N, C-alpha and C. Protein backbone atom coordinates (compact mmCIF):
# COMPACT_ATOMS: atom_id res chain seq x y z
N MET A 1 83.43 95.50 101.47
CA MET A 1 84.02 94.44 102.26
C MET A 1 85.35 94.92 102.80
N LYS A 2 85.59 94.75 104.07
CA LYS A 2 86.81 95.18 104.73
C LYS A 2 87.81 94.05 104.74
N LEU A 3 88.98 94.30 104.18
CA LEU A 3 90.04 93.30 104.19
C LEU A 3 90.94 93.56 105.39
N HIS A 4 91.39 92.53 106.04
CA HIS A 4 92.29 92.66 107.16
C HIS A 4 93.71 92.57 106.63
N LEU A 5 94.29 93.74 106.34
CA LEU A 5 95.58 93.76 105.66
C LEU A 5 96.73 93.32 106.56
N SER A 6 96.55 93.37 107.87
CA SER A 6 97.64 92.90 108.73
C SER A 6 97.87 91.41 108.50
N ASP A 7 96.82 90.68 108.10
CA ASP A 7 96.92 89.26 107.85
C ASP A 7 97.09 88.93 106.37
N MET A 8 96.83 89.88 105.48
CA MET A 8 96.73 89.59 104.05
C MET A 8 97.78 90.35 103.25
N THR A 9 98.97 89.76 103.11
CA THR A 9 99.97 90.35 102.23
C THR A 9 99.60 89.93 100.81
N LEU A 10 100.25 90.53 99.83
CA LEU A 10 99.96 90.15 98.44
C LEU A 10 100.30 88.70 98.18
N ALA A 11 101.39 88.21 98.79
CA ALA A 11 101.77 86.81 98.60
C ALA A 11 100.71 85.89 99.21
N ARG A 12 100.19 86.25 100.38
CA ARG A 12 99.15 85.45 101.03
C ARG A 12 97.86 85.48 100.22
N ALA A 13 97.53 86.65 99.66
CA ALA A 13 96.32 86.75 98.83
C ALA A 13 96.47 85.88 97.58
N GLU A 14 97.66 85.89 96.98
CA GLU A 14 97.91 85.06 95.80
C GLU A 14 97.76 83.58 96.15
N GLU A 15 98.32 83.18 97.29
CA GLU A 15 98.23 81.79 97.71
C GLU A 15 96.77 81.40 97.99
N ALA A 16 96.04 82.26 98.68
CA ALA A 16 94.63 81.96 99.00
C ALA A 16 93.80 81.84 97.73
N LEU A 17 94.04 82.74 96.77
CA LEU A 17 93.31 82.69 95.50
C LEU A 17 93.66 81.41 94.74
N LEU A 18 94.92 81.03 94.74
CA LEU A 18 95.35 79.81 94.05
C LEU A 18 94.68 78.58 94.66
N ILE A 19 94.69 78.49 95.98
CA ILE A 19 94.05 77.36 96.66
C ILE A 19 92.56 77.33 96.35
N GLU A 20 91.91 78.48 96.47
CA GLU A 20 90.47 78.57 96.21
C GLU A 20 90.16 78.15 94.77
N ALA A 21 90.95 78.66 93.81
CA ALA A 21 90.71 78.33 92.41
C ALA A 21 90.92 76.83 92.14
N LEU A 22 91.96 76.24 92.73
CA LEU A 22 92.21 74.81 92.54
C LEU A 22 91.08 73.97 93.12
N LEU A 23 90.57 74.35 94.28
CA LEU A 23 89.48 73.59 94.89
C LEU A 23 88.18 73.75 94.09
N ILE A 24 87.91 74.95 93.60
CA ILE A 24 86.71 75.16 92.78
C ILE A 24 86.82 74.37 91.48
N ALA A 25 88.04 74.30 90.92
CA ALA A 25 88.28 73.62 89.65
C ALA A 25 88.50 72.12 89.83
N ASP A 26 88.21 71.59 91.00
CA ASP A 26 88.42 70.16 91.28
C ASP A 26 89.85 69.73 90.96
N LEU A 27 90.80 70.56 91.36
CA LEU A 27 92.25 70.34 91.23
C LEU A 27 92.75 70.33 89.79
N SER A 28 91.96 70.84 88.86
CA SER A 28 92.40 70.95 87.47
C SER A 28 93.19 72.25 87.31
N LYS A 29 94.47 72.11 86.93
CA LYS A 29 95.31 73.30 86.77
C LYS A 29 94.82 74.17 85.61
N VAL A 30 94.31 73.54 84.57
CA VAL A 30 93.82 74.30 83.42
C VAL A 30 92.60 75.13 83.81
N ARG A 31 91.64 74.51 84.50
CA ARG A 31 90.44 75.24 84.93
C ARG A 31 90.77 76.30 85.97
N ALA A 32 91.72 76.01 86.87
CA ALA A 32 92.15 77.00 87.86
C ALA A 32 92.78 78.21 87.16
N ALA A 33 93.55 77.95 86.10
CA ALA A 33 94.16 79.04 85.34
C ALA A 33 93.09 79.92 84.71
N GLU A 34 92.03 79.32 84.18
CA GLU A 34 90.94 80.09 83.59
C GLU A 34 90.25 80.94 84.65
N ILE A 35 90.04 80.39 85.83
CA ILE A 35 89.40 81.14 86.92
C ILE A 35 90.25 82.33 87.33
N MET A 36 91.57 82.11 87.42
CA MET A 36 92.47 83.16 87.88
C MET A 36 92.85 84.15 86.79
N GLY A 37 92.60 83.80 85.54
CA GLY A 37 92.96 84.68 84.45
C GLY A 37 94.44 84.66 84.13
N ILE A 38 95.09 83.50 84.34
CA ILE A 38 96.51 83.33 84.03
C ILE A 38 96.68 82.04 83.25
N THR A 39 97.91 81.72 82.86
CA THR A 39 98.17 80.49 82.10
C THR A 39 98.35 79.30 83.04
N ARG A 40 98.27 78.10 82.46
CA ARG A 40 98.48 76.88 83.25
C ARG A 40 99.89 76.86 83.81
N ASN A 41 100.88 77.27 83.00
CA ASN A 41 102.26 77.30 83.47
C ASN A 41 102.42 78.26 84.65
N ALA A 42 101.70 79.37 84.62
CA ALA A 42 101.76 80.31 85.75
C ALA A 42 101.17 79.67 87.00
N VAL A 43 100.13 78.85 86.85
CA VAL A 43 99.56 78.14 88.00
C VAL A 43 100.60 77.18 88.58
N VAL A 44 101.29 76.45 87.71
CA VAL A 44 102.32 75.50 88.16
C VAL A 44 103.45 76.24 88.89
N ARG A 45 103.90 77.38 88.33
CA ARG A 45 104.96 78.16 88.98
C ARG A 45 104.52 78.66 90.35
N ARG A 46 103.28 79.13 90.43
CA ARG A 46 102.78 79.64 91.72
C ARG A 46 102.60 78.51 92.72
N MET A 47 102.21 77.32 92.25
CA MET A 47 102.10 76.18 93.15
C MET A 47 103.48 75.84 93.74
N ASP A 48 104.50 75.85 92.89
CA ASP A 48 105.87 75.60 93.36
C ASP A 48 106.31 76.67 94.35
N LYS A 49 106.01 77.92 94.04
CA LYS A 49 106.40 79.05 94.89
C LYS A 49 105.80 78.92 96.29
N HIS A 50 104.56 78.47 96.37
CA HIS A 50 103.86 78.39 97.66
C HIS A 50 103.90 76.98 98.27
N GLY A 51 104.63 76.06 97.65
CA GLY A 51 104.78 74.72 98.22
C GLY A 51 103.52 73.88 98.14
N LEU A 52 102.72 74.08 97.11
CA LEU A 52 101.48 73.32 96.94
C LEU A 52 101.71 72.16 95.98
N THR A 53 101.16 71.00 96.33
CA THR A 53 101.24 69.83 95.46
C THR A 53 99.88 69.15 95.41
N ILE A 54 99.69 68.37 94.35
CA ILE A 54 98.47 67.56 94.24
C ILE A 54 98.92 66.10 94.28
N ARG A 55 98.50 65.39 95.35
CA ARG A 55 98.84 63.98 95.50
C ARG A 55 97.60 63.20 95.91
N ASN A 56 97.42 62.05 95.30
CA ASN A 56 96.30 61.16 95.63
C ASN A 56 94.95 61.89 95.58
N GLY A 57 94.80 62.76 94.61
CA GLY A 57 93.52 63.45 94.44
C GLY A 57 93.22 64.49 95.50
N ALA A 58 94.27 64.98 96.19
CA ALA A 58 94.07 66.00 97.22
C ALA A 58 95.16 67.07 97.10
N LEU A 59 94.83 68.26 97.52
CA LEU A 59 95.77 69.37 97.51
C LEU A 59 96.54 69.36 98.83
N HIS A 60 97.87 69.50 98.75
CA HIS A 60 98.72 69.47 99.94
C HIS A 60 99.59 70.71 99.99
N LYS A 61 99.84 71.18 101.20
CA LYS A 61 100.84 72.24 101.42
C LYS A 61 101.80 71.72 102.48
N ALA A 62 103.05 71.60 102.11
CA ALA A 62 104.09 71.07 103.00
C ALA A 62 103.69 69.70 103.55
N GLY A 63 103.10 68.88 102.70
CA GLY A 63 102.75 67.52 103.09
C GLY A 63 101.44 67.38 103.85
N VAL A 64 100.79 68.49 104.18
CA VAL A 64 99.53 68.45 104.93
C VAL A 64 98.37 68.67 103.95
N PRO A 65 97.38 67.77 103.95
CA PRO A 65 96.25 67.95 103.03
C PRO A 65 95.46 69.21 103.36
N ILE A 66 95.00 69.87 102.32
CA ILE A 66 94.19 71.09 102.48
C ILE A 66 92.78 70.77 102.01
N SER A 67 91.82 71.02 102.86
CA SER A 67 90.41 70.84 102.47
C SER A 67 89.74 72.21 102.53
N ARG A 68 88.58 72.30 101.95
CA ARG A 68 87.85 73.56 101.94
C ARG A 68 87.60 74.07 103.36
N GLU A 69 87.43 73.18 104.32
CA GLU A 69 87.14 73.58 105.69
C GLU A 69 88.35 74.22 106.37
N ARG A 70 89.57 73.89 105.90
CA ARG A 70 90.78 74.43 106.54
C ARG A 70 91.15 75.81 106.04
N ILE A 71 90.53 76.25 104.95
CA ILE A 71 90.88 77.55 104.38
C ILE A 71 90.20 78.65 105.17
N ILE A 72 90.86 79.80 105.24
CA ILE A 72 90.25 80.98 105.86
C ILE A 72 88.97 81.26 105.09
N PRO A 73 87.93 81.78 105.74
CA PRO A 73 86.73 82.11 104.98
C PRO A 73 87.09 82.95 103.77
N SER A 74 86.54 82.60 102.65
CA SER A 74 86.91 83.22 101.38
C SER A 74 86.63 84.71 101.36
N ILE A 75 87.56 85.49 100.77
CA ILE A 75 87.31 86.91 100.60
C ILE A 75 86.62 87.15 99.26
N TRP A 76 86.35 86.07 98.53
CA TRP A 76 85.70 86.19 97.24
C TRP A 76 84.33 85.55 97.31
N PRO A 77 83.26 86.35 97.27
CA PRO A 77 81.93 85.72 97.26
C PRO A 77 81.72 85.00 95.93
N GLY A 78 81.22 83.78 95.98
CA GLY A 78 81.01 83.01 94.75
C GLY A 78 82.34 82.64 94.15
N LEU A 79 82.48 82.86 92.86
CA LEU A 79 83.75 82.56 92.20
C LEU A 79 84.78 83.64 92.52
N PRO A 80 86.04 83.27 92.63
CA PRO A 80 87.06 84.26 92.95
C PRO A 80 87.30 85.23 91.79
N GLU A 81 87.83 86.39 92.14
CA GLU A 81 88.22 87.37 91.14
C GLU A 81 89.54 86.90 90.52
N THR A 82 89.97 87.61 89.49
CA THR A 82 91.29 87.29 88.94
C THR A 82 92.34 87.80 89.91
N LEU A 83 93.55 87.29 89.80
CA LEU A 83 94.64 87.71 90.67
C LEU A 83 94.87 89.21 90.54
N SER A 84 94.76 89.74 89.34
CA SER A 84 94.97 91.16 89.11
C SER A 84 93.93 91.99 89.86
N GLU A 85 92.67 91.56 89.87
CA GLU A 85 91.62 92.29 90.57
C GLU A 85 91.83 92.25 92.08
N VAL A 86 92.25 91.10 92.60
CA VAL A 86 92.52 90.98 94.03
C VAL A 86 93.69 91.88 94.42
N GLU A 87 94.76 91.84 93.61
CA GLU A 87 95.93 92.67 93.88
C GLU A 87 95.56 94.15 93.89
N ARG A 88 94.77 94.57 92.91
CA ARG A 88 94.36 95.98 92.84
C ARG A 88 93.55 96.38 94.07
N ARG A 89 92.62 95.52 94.45
CA ARG A 89 91.76 95.83 95.60
C ARG A 89 92.59 95.91 96.88
N LEU A 90 93.55 95.01 97.05
CA LEU A 90 94.42 95.05 98.23
C LEU A 90 95.27 96.32 98.26
N ILE A 91 95.76 96.74 97.09
CA ILE A 91 96.57 97.95 97.02
C ILE A 91 95.74 99.17 97.43
N VAL A 92 94.54 99.29 96.89
CA VAL A 92 93.69 100.44 97.23
C VAL A 92 93.36 100.44 98.72
N GLU A 93 93.01 99.28 99.28
CA GLU A 93 92.68 99.20 100.70
C GLU A 93 93.89 99.54 101.57
N ALA A 94 95.07 99.06 101.18
CA ALA A 94 96.28 99.36 101.96
C ALA A 94 96.58 100.85 101.92
N LEU A 95 96.44 101.47 100.75
CA LEU A 95 96.68 102.91 100.65
C LEU A 95 95.67 103.71 101.47
N LYS A 96 94.41 103.28 101.47
CA LYS A 96 93.40 103.96 102.28
C LYS A 96 93.73 103.87 103.76
N GLN A 97 94.11 102.68 104.20
CA GLN A 97 94.40 102.48 105.62
C GLN A 97 95.68 103.17 106.06
N ALA A 98 96.71 103.10 105.23
CA ALA A 98 98.02 103.61 105.63
C ALA A 98 98.17 105.11 105.34
N GLY A 99 97.64 105.56 104.22
CA GLY A 99 97.74 106.97 103.88
C GLY A 99 99.03 107.37 103.19
N SER A 100 99.99 106.46 103.06
CA SER A 100 101.24 106.77 102.35
C SER A 100 101.74 105.51 101.67
N TYR A 101 102.58 105.72 100.67
CA TYR A 101 103.13 104.59 99.93
C TYR A 101 104.03 103.72 100.83
N VAL A 102 104.84 104.35 101.66
CA VAL A 102 105.78 103.61 102.51
C VAL A 102 105.01 102.70 103.47
N ASP A 103 104.02 103.27 104.16
CA ASP A 103 103.27 102.47 105.14
C ASP A 103 102.41 101.41 104.46
N ALA A 104 101.84 101.74 103.30
CA ALA A 104 101.02 100.76 102.57
C ALA A 104 101.89 99.60 102.09
N ALA A 105 103.09 99.90 101.63
CA ALA A 105 104.01 98.84 101.19
C ALA A 105 104.34 97.90 102.35
N GLN A 106 104.54 98.46 103.54
CA GLN A 106 104.82 97.62 104.72
C GLN A 106 103.63 96.74 105.04
N LEU A 107 102.41 97.28 104.94
CA LEU A 107 101.21 96.47 105.18
C LEU A 107 101.13 95.30 104.21
N LEU A 108 101.51 95.54 102.96
CA LEU A 108 101.40 94.52 101.92
C LEU A 108 102.59 93.57 101.89
N GLY A 109 103.65 93.91 102.60
CA GLY A 109 104.82 93.05 102.61
C GLY A 109 105.67 93.16 101.36
N ILE A 110 105.66 94.35 100.73
CA ILE A 110 106.47 94.58 99.54
C ILE A 110 107.24 95.89 99.73
N THR A 111 108.16 96.19 98.80
CA THR A 111 108.90 97.45 98.89
C THR A 111 108.06 98.59 98.35
N ARG A 112 108.47 99.81 98.69
CA ARG A 112 107.76 100.99 98.19
C ARG A 112 107.84 101.04 96.67
N HIS A 113 109.00 100.70 96.13
CA HIS A 113 109.18 100.72 94.68
C HIS A 113 108.23 99.71 94.00
N ALA A 114 108.10 98.52 94.58
CA ALA A 114 107.19 97.52 94.03
C ALA A 114 105.75 98.01 94.09
N LEU A 115 105.39 98.70 95.18
CA LEU A 115 104.05 99.25 95.29
C LEU A 115 103.79 100.30 94.22
N VAL A 116 104.74 101.21 94.01
CA VAL A 116 104.57 102.24 92.99
C VAL A 116 104.41 101.61 91.61
N ARG A 117 105.20 100.57 91.31
CA ARG A 117 105.06 99.87 90.02
C ARG A 117 103.66 99.29 89.86
N ARG A 118 103.13 98.70 90.95
CA ARG A 118 101.80 98.09 90.87
C ARG A 118 100.70 99.15 90.79
N VAL A 119 100.89 100.29 91.44
CA VAL A 119 99.92 101.39 91.34
C VAL A 119 99.83 101.85 89.89
N ILE A 120 100.97 101.97 89.23
CA ILE A 120 100.99 102.37 87.82
C ILE A 120 100.36 101.27 86.96
N LYS A 121 100.72 100.02 87.21
CA LYS A 121 100.20 98.89 86.43
C LYS A 121 98.68 98.82 86.50
N HIS A 122 98.14 98.99 87.71
CA HIS A 122 96.69 98.87 87.90
C HIS A 122 95.95 100.20 87.74
N ARG A 123 96.70 101.26 87.43
CA ARG A 123 96.12 102.60 87.23
C ARG A 123 95.26 103.03 88.41
N VAL A 124 95.84 102.92 89.60
CA VAL A 124 95.15 103.36 90.81
C VAL A 124 95.31 104.86 90.91
N ALA A 125 94.20 105.58 90.82
CA ALA A 125 94.22 107.04 90.87
C ALA A 125 94.19 107.51 92.33
N PRO A 126 94.81 108.66 92.61
CA PRO A 126 94.82 109.17 93.99
C PRO A 126 93.43 109.35 94.59
N TYR A 127 92.43 109.72 93.78
CA TYR A 127 91.10 109.93 94.35
C TYR A 127 90.49 108.64 94.89
N GLU A 128 91.01 107.49 94.47
CA GLU A 128 90.47 106.22 94.95
C GLU A 128 90.87 105.94 96.40
N TRP A 129 91.95 106.55 96.87
CA TRP A 129 92.38 106.26 98.23
C TRP A 129 92.62 107.49 99.08
N LYS A 130 92.73 108.67 98.48
CA LYS A 130 92.97 109.88 99.26
C LYS A 130 91.68 110.60 99.66
N GLY A 131 90.56 110.16 99.12
CA GLY A 131 89.30 110.81 99.46
C GLY A 131 89.07 112.10 98.69
N GLN A 132 89.82 112.30 97.63
CA GLN A 132 89.64 113.49 96.81
C GLN A 132 88.55 113.22 95.78
N PRO A 133 87.82 114.26 95.38
CA PRO A 133 86.81 114.04 94.34
C PRO A 133 87.47 113.75 93.00
N GLU A 134 86.81 112.94 92.19
CA GLU A 134 87.32 112.59 90.87
C GLU A 134 87.19 113.80 89.95
N LEU A 135 88.21 114.05 89.16
CA LEU A 135 88.17 115.15 88.21
C LEU A 135 87.28 114.74 87.05
N VAL A 136 86.14 115.43 86.90
CA VAL A 136 85.18 115.07 85.87
C VAL A 136 85.55 115.69 84.54
N GLU A 137 85.86 116.97 84.56
CA GLU A 137 86.27 117.63 83.32
C GLU A 137 87.33 118.67 83.62
N ALA A 138 88.18 118.92 82.65
CA ALA A 138 89.25 119.89 82.83
C ALA A 138 88.67 121.30 82.70
N PRO A 139 89.28 122.26 83.39
CA PRO A 139 88.79 123.63 83.26
C PRO A 139 88.92 124.11 81.82
N GLY A 140 88.01 124.98 81.41
CA GLY A 140 87.99 125.47 80.03
C GLY A 140 89.23 126.27 79.68
N LYS A 141 89.63 127.19 80.55
CA LYS A 141 90.78 128.02 80.24
C LYS A 141 91.52 128.31 81.54
N TRP A 142 92.83 128.21 81.46
CA TRP A 142 93.63 128.51 82.63
C TRP A 142 93.70 130.03 82.80
N PRO A 143 93.71 130.53 84.03
CA PRO A 143 93.79 131.98 84.23
C PRO A 143 95.12 132.53 83.73
N ASP A 144 95.09 133.77 83.28
CA ASP A 144 96.31 134.42 82.81
C ASP A 144 97.25 134.64 84.01
N PRO A 145 98.56 134.46 83.78
CA PRO A 145 99.47 134.69 84.88
C PRO A 145 99.50 136.16 85.26
N ALA A 146 99.86 136.44 86.49
CA ALA A 146 99.92 137.84 86.95
C ALA A 146 101.02 138.57 86.17
N PRO A 147 100.74 139.82 85.80
CA PRO A 147 101.76 140.57 85.05
C PRO A 147 103.00 140.82 85.90
N ARG A 148 104.16 140.78 85.26
CA ARG A 148 105.42 141.02 85.95
C ARG A 148 105.67 142.51 86.07
N LYS A 149 106.29 142.90 87.13
CA LYS A 149 106.61 144.33 87.31
C LYS A 149 108.03 144.62 87.00
């Protein structure tokens, strides 16, 4: 599946996943937290961060009701992935498209340092985005260094 990274920063992906999870969970913060793989308090903090509220049995953003029809077509077939899985997938796609940490960070709307931290956190290996073959096994013995004259 091709993600359109020009439109999908990590913050936007987090917001889309949160909205999707809340709608799937029938606006239950506890069930949305289970879907996203985070705590209920983390759901509440993210709702505050993105300006989401639940009023009169409906989800609102900046006072405007959000329905399933108003959401961008879901990037998650069926149930959504966890936030960590979405973040990892976006990082790999950004690195593939950009080819460098600096450009990938700009695509994602974060700093290069934040991108490097997330690459380490998610254990994104260079072969996943550079097109290099995966190292299957280490060589048996390193060659002897050339003799000095």
